[in-house]
Amino acid sequence: MSLPEADIAFATELFSTLPDLTCRRMFGGMALYSDGTIFALLRSDGVILLKAQANVFAAELAGYGSEKWTYTRKNGASAAMPYWTLPEAALDDPDLATTLAHRALAHLR
């Protein structure tokens, strides 16, 4: 599945006020960086995910209704990634999206 240009434009516009925002395509999706630190992914299905280790920020995202990214491996085992869906409210609110991105970056640096 190819990542539509409209999804890329939406994600980069949503986080456009972050310092030194860069993107890199990978695995059918895209990684988003601020000042060289990866803080989010855009999956090939258009879902935006914020990076959050098992910490207070992950709990904060869960409180917004975000879900941790899990997938099933070829052997049938379940695996989880340290990424959480961007809260629904943040999709329509660039200020909230940017605030959450700053929170993700604070825990990653």
N, C-alpha and C. Protein backbone atom coordinates (compact mmCIF):
# COMPACT_ATOMS: atom_id res chain seq x y z
N MET A 1 0.84 -1.17 0.00
CA MET A 1 0.00 0.00 0.00
C MET A 1 0.89 1.24 0.00
N SER A 2 0.65 2.14 -0.92
CA SER A 2 1.43 3.35 -1.04
C SER A 2 0.80 4.47 -0.21
N LEU A 3 1.63 5.24 0.40
CA LEU A 3 1.17 6.34 1.25
C LEU A 3 0.71 7.51 0.37
N PRO A 4 -0.56 7.88 0.44
CA PRO A 4 -1.06 8.99 -0.39
C PRO A 4 -0.42 10.33 -0.03
N GLU A 5 -0.16 11.14 -1.05
CA GLU A 5 0.43 12.46 -0.85
C GLU A 5 -0.45 13.33 0.06
N ALA A 6 -1.76 13.16 0.00
CA ALA A 6 -2.67 13.94 0.84
C ALA A 6 -2.44 13.63 2.32
N ASP A 7 -2.17 12.37 2.66
CA ASP A 7 -1.89 12.01 4.05
C ASP A 7 -0.57 12.61 4.52
N ILE A 8 0.42 12.61 3.64
CA ILE A 8 1.72 13.21 3.98
C ILE A 8 1.55 14.71 4.21
N ALA A 9 0.82 15.37 3.33
CA ALA A 9 0.59 16.82 3.46
C ALA A 9 -0.15 17.13 4.74
N PHE A 10 -1.15 16.32 5.09
CA PHE A 10 -1.91 16.55 6.31
C PHE A 10 -1.01 16.44 7.54
N ALA A 11 -0.22 15.38 7.61
CA ALA A 11 0.65 15.16 8.79
C ALA A 11 1.70 16.26 8.91
N THR A 12 2.33 16.64 7.80
CA THR A 12 3.37 17.67 7.88
C THR A 12 2.78 19.03 8.21
N GLU A 13 1.57 19.30 7.73
CA GLU A 13 0.91 20.56 8.08
C GLU A 13 0.51 20.58 9.56
N LEU A 14 0.03 19.45 10.05
CA LEU A 14 -0.40 19.34 11.43
C LEU A 14 0.74 19.67 12.40
N PHE A 15 1.96 19.24 12.06
CA PHE A 15 3.11 19.44 12.94
C PHE A 15 4.08 20.51 12.40
N SER A 16 3.60 21.36 11.51
CA SER A 16 4.47 22.30 10.81
C SER A 16 5.19 23.30 11.71
N THR A 17 4.68 23.55 12.90
CA THR A 17 5.33 24.54 13.78
C THR A 17 6.46 23.93 14.63
N LEU A 18 6.67 22.62 14.53
CA LEU A 18 7.78 22.01 15.27
C LEU A 18 9.10 22.42 14.64
N PRO A 19 10.14 22.59 15.45
CA PRO A 19 11.44 22.99 14.90
C PRO A 19 12.05 21.90 14.02
N ASP A 20 12.60 22.32 12.89
CA ASP A 20 13.32 21.44 11.96
C ASP A 20 12.56 20.14 11.69
N LEU A 21 11.30 20.26 11.26
CA LEU A 21 10.47 19.10 10.93
C LEU A 21 10.96 18.48 9.63
N THR A 22 11.30 17.19 9.70
CA THR A 22 11.71 16.44 8.52
C THR A 22 10.95 15.11 8.50
N CYS A 23 10.91 14.51 7.32
CA CYS A 23 10.19 13.25 7.14
C CYS A 23 11.05 12.30 6.33
N ARG A 24 10.82 11.02 6.55
CA ARG A 24 11.53 10.00 5.78
C ARG A 24 10.59 8.82 5.57
N ARG A 25 10.41 8.43 4.34
CA ARG A 25 9.56 7.27 4.03
C ARG A 25 10.26 6.01 4.51
N MET A 26 9.46 5.11 5.07
CA MET A 26 10.01 3.81 5.50
C MET A 26 8.87 2.81 5.66
N PHE A 27 9.10 1.59 5.24
CA PHE A 27 8.17 0.48 5.41
C PHE A 27 6.76 0.81 4.95
N GLY A 28 6.63 1.53 3.85
CA GLY A 28 5.31 1.87 3.32
C GLY A 28 4.67 3.07 4.01
N GLY A 29 5.29 3.57 5.07
CA GLY A 29 4.78 4.72 5.80
C GLY A 29 5.82 5.81 5.81
N MET A 30 5.82 6.59 6.88
CA MET A 30 6.73 7.71 6.98
C MET A 30 7.06 8.00 8.44
N ALA A 31 8.31 8.31 8.71
CA ALA A 31 8.73 8.74 10.04
C ALA A 31 8.81 10.26 10.05
N LEU A 32 8.39 10.86 11.17
CA LEU A 32 8.46 12.31 11.34
C LEU A 32 9.48 12.62 12.43
N TYR A 33 10.34 13.58 12.14
CA TYR A 33 11.42 13.96 13.04
C TYR A 33 11.34 15.45 13.36
N SER A 34 11.78 15.81 14.55
CA SER A 34 11.97 17.21 14.91
C SER A 34 13.38 17.31 15.47
N ASP A 35 14.18 18.18 14.87
CA ASP A 35 15.59 18.32 15.26
C ASP A 35 16.30 16.96 15.28
N GLY A 36 15.96 16.10 14.33
CA GLY A 36 16.64 14.81 14.20
C GLY A 36 16.12 13.69 15.09
N THR A 37 15.12 13.97 15.93
CA THR A 37 14.55 12.96 16.82
C THR A 37 13.21 12.49 16.27
N ILE A 38 13.07 11.19 16.08
CA ILE A 38 11.80 10.65 15.59
C ILE A 38 10.78 10.73 16.72
N PHE A 39 9.64 11.34 16.42
CA PHE A 39 8.60 11.50 17.44
C PHE A 39 7.26 10.90 17.00
N ALA A 40 7.15 10.60 15.70
CA ALA A 40 5.87 10.09 15.20
C ALA A 40 6.06 9.26 13.94
N LEU A 41 5.06 8.45 13.65
CA LEU A 41 4.99 7.69 12.41
C LEU A 41 3.67 7.97 11.73
N LEU A 42 3.69 7.91 10.42
CA LEU A 42 2.47 7.93 9.63
C LEU A 42 2.43 6.57 8.95
N ARG A 43 1.49 5.73 9.38
CA ARG A 43 1.38 4.39 8.79
C ARG A 43 0.80 4.48 7.39
N SER A 44 0.97 3.42 6.63
CA SER A 44 0.47 3.39 5.25
C SER A 44 -1.04 3.50 5.17
N ASP A 45 -1.75 3.23 6.29
CA ASP A 45 -3.21 3.38 6.30
C ASP A 45 -3.65 4.78 6.71
N GLY A 46 -2.68 5.71 6.85
CA GLY A 46 -2.99 7.10 7.17
C GLY A 46 -3.07 7.42 8.65
N VAL A 47 -2.88 6.43 9.52
CA VAL A 47 -2.94 6.65 10.96
C VAL A 47 -1.63 7.28 11.44
N ILE A 48 -1.76 8.34 12.24
CA ILE A 48 -0.61 9.02 12.83
C ILE A 48 -0.42 8.47 14.24
N LEU A 49 0.84 8.13 14.55
CA LEU A 49 1.17 7.57 15.86
C LEU A 49 2.28 8.39 16.50
N LEU A 50 2.17 8.66 17.79
CA LEU A 50 3.22 9.35 18.55
C LEU A 50 4.05 8.32 19.32
N LYS A 51 5.33 8.57 19.40
CA LYS A 51 6.22 7.66 20.12
C LYS A 51 6.11 7.93 21.62
N ALA A 52 5.89 6.88 22.38
CA ALA A 52 5.80 7.00 23.84
C ALA A 52 6.23 5.69 24.46
N GLN A 53 7.32 5.72 25.17
CA GLN A 53 7.78 4.54 25.90
C GLN A 53 6.79 4.28 27.03
N ALA A 54 7.01 3.21 27.78
CA ALA A 54 6.14 2.90 28.93
C ALA A 54 6.45 3.91 30.03
N ASN A 55 5.80 5.05 29.97
CA ASN A 55 6.06 6.11 30.94
C ASN A 55 4.78 6.93 31.15
N VAL A 56 4.93 8.05 31.83
CA VAL A 56 3.80 8.91 32.13
C VAL A 56 3.12 9.40 30.85
N PHE A 57 3.89 9.70 29.82
CA PHE A 57 3.31 10.18 28.58
C PHE A 57 2.44 9.11 27.91
N ALA A 58 2.87 7.87 27.96
CA ALA A 58 2.05 6.77 27.41
C ALA A 58 0.72 6.70 28.16
N ALA A 59 0.76 6.86 29.46
CA ALA A 59 -0.47 6.85 30.26
C ALA A 59 -1.35 8.06 29.90
N GLU A 60 -0.72 9.19 29.64
CA GLU A 60 -1.47 10.39 29.24
C GLU A 60 -2.19 10.13 27.91
N LEU A 61 -1.50 9.53 26.96
CA LEU A 61 -2.12 9.22 25.67
C LEU A 61 -3.27 8.24 25.84
N ALA A 62 -3.08 7.25 26.69
CA ALA A 62 -4.16 6.28 26.96
C ALA A 62 -5.38 7.01 27.53
N GLY A 63 -5.13 8.01 28.35
CA GLY A 63 -6.22 8.80 28.93
C GLY A 63 -7.01 9.57 27.88
N TYR A 64 -6.36 9.91 26.77
CA TYR A 64 -7.04 10.58 25.65
C TYR A 64 -7.81 9.58 24.78
N GLY A 65 -7.64 8.28 25.07
CA GLY A 65 -8.29 7.26 24.25
C GLY A 65 -7.40 6.70 23.16
N SER A 66 -6.13 7.09 23.17
CA SER A 66 -5.18 6.55 22.19
C SER A 66 -4.96 5.07 22.43
N GLU A 67 -4.60 4.37 21.36
CA GLU A 67 -4.34 2.94 21.46
C GLU A 67 -2.90 2.65 21.08
N LYS A 68 -2.28 1.71 21.81
CA LYS A 68 -0.93 1.30 21.51
C LYS A 68 -0.93 0.46 20.24
N TRP A 69 0.06 0.69 19.40
CA TRP A 69 0.16 -0.03 18.13
C TRP A 69 0.62 -1.46 18.40
N THR A 70 -0.21 -2.40 18.05
CA THR A 70 0.14 -3.81 18.14
C THR A 70 -0.10 -4.46 16.78
N TYR A 71 0.59 -5.53 16.54
CA TYR A 71 0.42 -6.27 15.30
C TYR A 71 0.69 -7.75 15.56
N THR A 72 0.30 -8.58 14.60
CA THR A 72 0.51 -10.01 14.71
C THR A 72 1.66 -10.41 13.80
N ARG A 73 2.63 -11.10 14.36
CA ARG A 73 3.77 -11.57 13.58
C ARG A 73 3.38 -12.77 12.73
N LYS A 74 4.25 -13.13 11.80
CA LYS A 74 3.99 -14.26 10.92
C LYS A 74 3.74 -15.56 11.68
N ASN A 75 4.38 -15.69 12.85
CA ASN A 75 4.21 -16.92 13.64
C ASN A 75 2.96 -16.89 14.52
N GLY A 76 2.17 -15.81 14.40
CA GLY A 76 0.93 -15.69 15.15
C GLY A 76 1.07 -14.98 16.49
N ALA A 77 2.31 -14.71 16.90
CA ALA A 77 2.53 -14.02 18.17
C ALA A 77 2.19 -12.54 18.04
N SER A 78 1.70 -11.97 19.10
CA SER A 78 1.37 -10.56 19.14
C SER A 78 2.61 -9.75 19.56
N ALA A 79 2.78 -8.59 18.96
CA ALA A 79 3.90 -7.71 19.30
C ALA A 79 3.38 -6.28 19.43
N ALA A 80 4.02 -5.50 20.28
CA ALA A 80 3.63 -4.10 20.48
C ALA A 80 4.81 -3.20 20.17
N MET A 81 4.49 -2.06 19.62
CA MET A 81 5.49 -1.04 19.31
C MET A 81 5.31 0.13 20.28
N PRO A 82 6.35 0.93 20.50
CA PRO A 82 6.23 2.06 21.43
C PRO A 82 5.57 3.29 20.78
N TYR A 83 4.51 3.05 20.05
CA TYR A 83 3.78 4.12 19.38
C TYR A 83 2.31 4.04 19.72
N TRP A 84 1.69 5.20 19.89
CA TRP A 84 0.27 5.31 20.26
C TRP A 84 -0.44 6.17 19.23
N THR A 85 -1.67 5.84 18.91
CA THR A 85 -2.44 6.64 17.96
C THR A 85 -2.58 8.06 18.47
N LEU A 86 -2.52 9.00 17.54
CA LEU A 86 -2.75 10.40 17.89
C LEU A 86 -4.22 10.52 18.31
N PRO A 87 -4.50 11.15 19.45
CA PRO A 87 -5.89 11.28 19.89
C PRO A 87 -6.76 11.92 18.81
N GLU A 88 -7.96 11.45 18.70
CA GLU A 88 -8.92 11.95 17.69
C GLU A 88 -9.04 13.47 17.75
N ALA A 89 -9.10 14.03 18.95
CA ALA A 89 -9.26 15.49 19.10
C ALA A 89 -8.08 16.25 18.48
N ALA A 90 -6.90 15.66 18.50
CA ALA A 90 -5.71 16.33 17.98
C ALA A 90 -5.69 16.36 16.46
N LEU A 91 -6.47 15.51 15.81
CA LEU A 91 -6.52 15.51 14.35
C LEU A 91 -7.15 16.79 13.80
N ASP A 92 -8.01 17.41 14.60
CA ASP A 92 -8.67 18.65 14.20
C ASP A 92 -8.13 19.87 14.94
N ASP A 93 -7.09 19.68 15.73
CA ASP A 93 -6.57 20.75 16.57
C ASP A 93 -5.04 20.75 16.50
N PRO A 94 -4.47 21.51 15.56
CA PRO A 94 -3.00 21.54 15.43
C PRO A 94 -2.29 21.95 16.71
N ASP A 95 -2.92 22.81 17.53
CA ASP A 95 -2.28 23.22 18.79
C ASP A 95 -2.14 22.02 19.72
N LEU A 96 -3.19 21.20 19.84
CA LEU A 96 -3.12 20.01 20.67
C LEU A 96 -2.14 19.01 20.08
N ALA A 97 -2.16 18.82 18.77
CA ALA A 97 -1.23 17.89 18.13
C ALA A 97 0.21 18.30 18.40
N THR A 98 0.49 19.59 18.27
CA THR A 98 1.85 20.08 18.50
C THR A 98 2.24 19.96 19.97
N THR A 99 1.31 20.26 20.87
CA THR A 99 1.59 20.11 22.30
C THR A 99 1.94 18.66 22.63
N LEU A 100 1.19 17.72 22.08
CA LEU A 100 1.47 16.30 22.32
C LEU A 100 2.79 15.89 21.69
N ALA A 101 3.12 16.44 20.53
CA ALA A 101 4.40 16.14 19.90
C ALA A 101 5.55 16.66 20.77
N HIS A 102 5.39 17.85 21.33
CA HIS A 102 6.41 18.39 22.25
C HIS A 102 6.55 17.49 23.48
N ARG A 103 5.43 16.98 23.99
CA ARG A 103 5.48 16.08 25.14
C ARG A 103 6.23 14.80 24.78
N ALA A 104 5.96 14.26 23.59
CA ALA A 104 6.67 13.05 23.13
C ALA A 104 8.16 13.33 23.05
N LEU A 105 8.52 14.45 22.45
CA LEU A 105 9.94 14.79 22.30
C LEU A 105 10.62 14.99 23.64
N ALA A 106 9.94 15.59 24.59
CA ALA A 106 10.51 15.81 25.92
C ALA A 106 10.89 14.49 26.59
N HIS A 107 10.10 13.47 26.35
CA HIS A 107 10.38 12.16 26.97
C HIS A 107 11.41 11.36 26.17
N LEU A 108 11.68 11.76 24.96
CA LEU A 108 12.62 11.03 24.11
C LEU A 108 14.02 11.61 24.16
N ARG A 109 14.15 12.82 24.62
CA ARG A 109 15.49 13.47 24.63
C ARG A 109 16.13 13.37 25.97
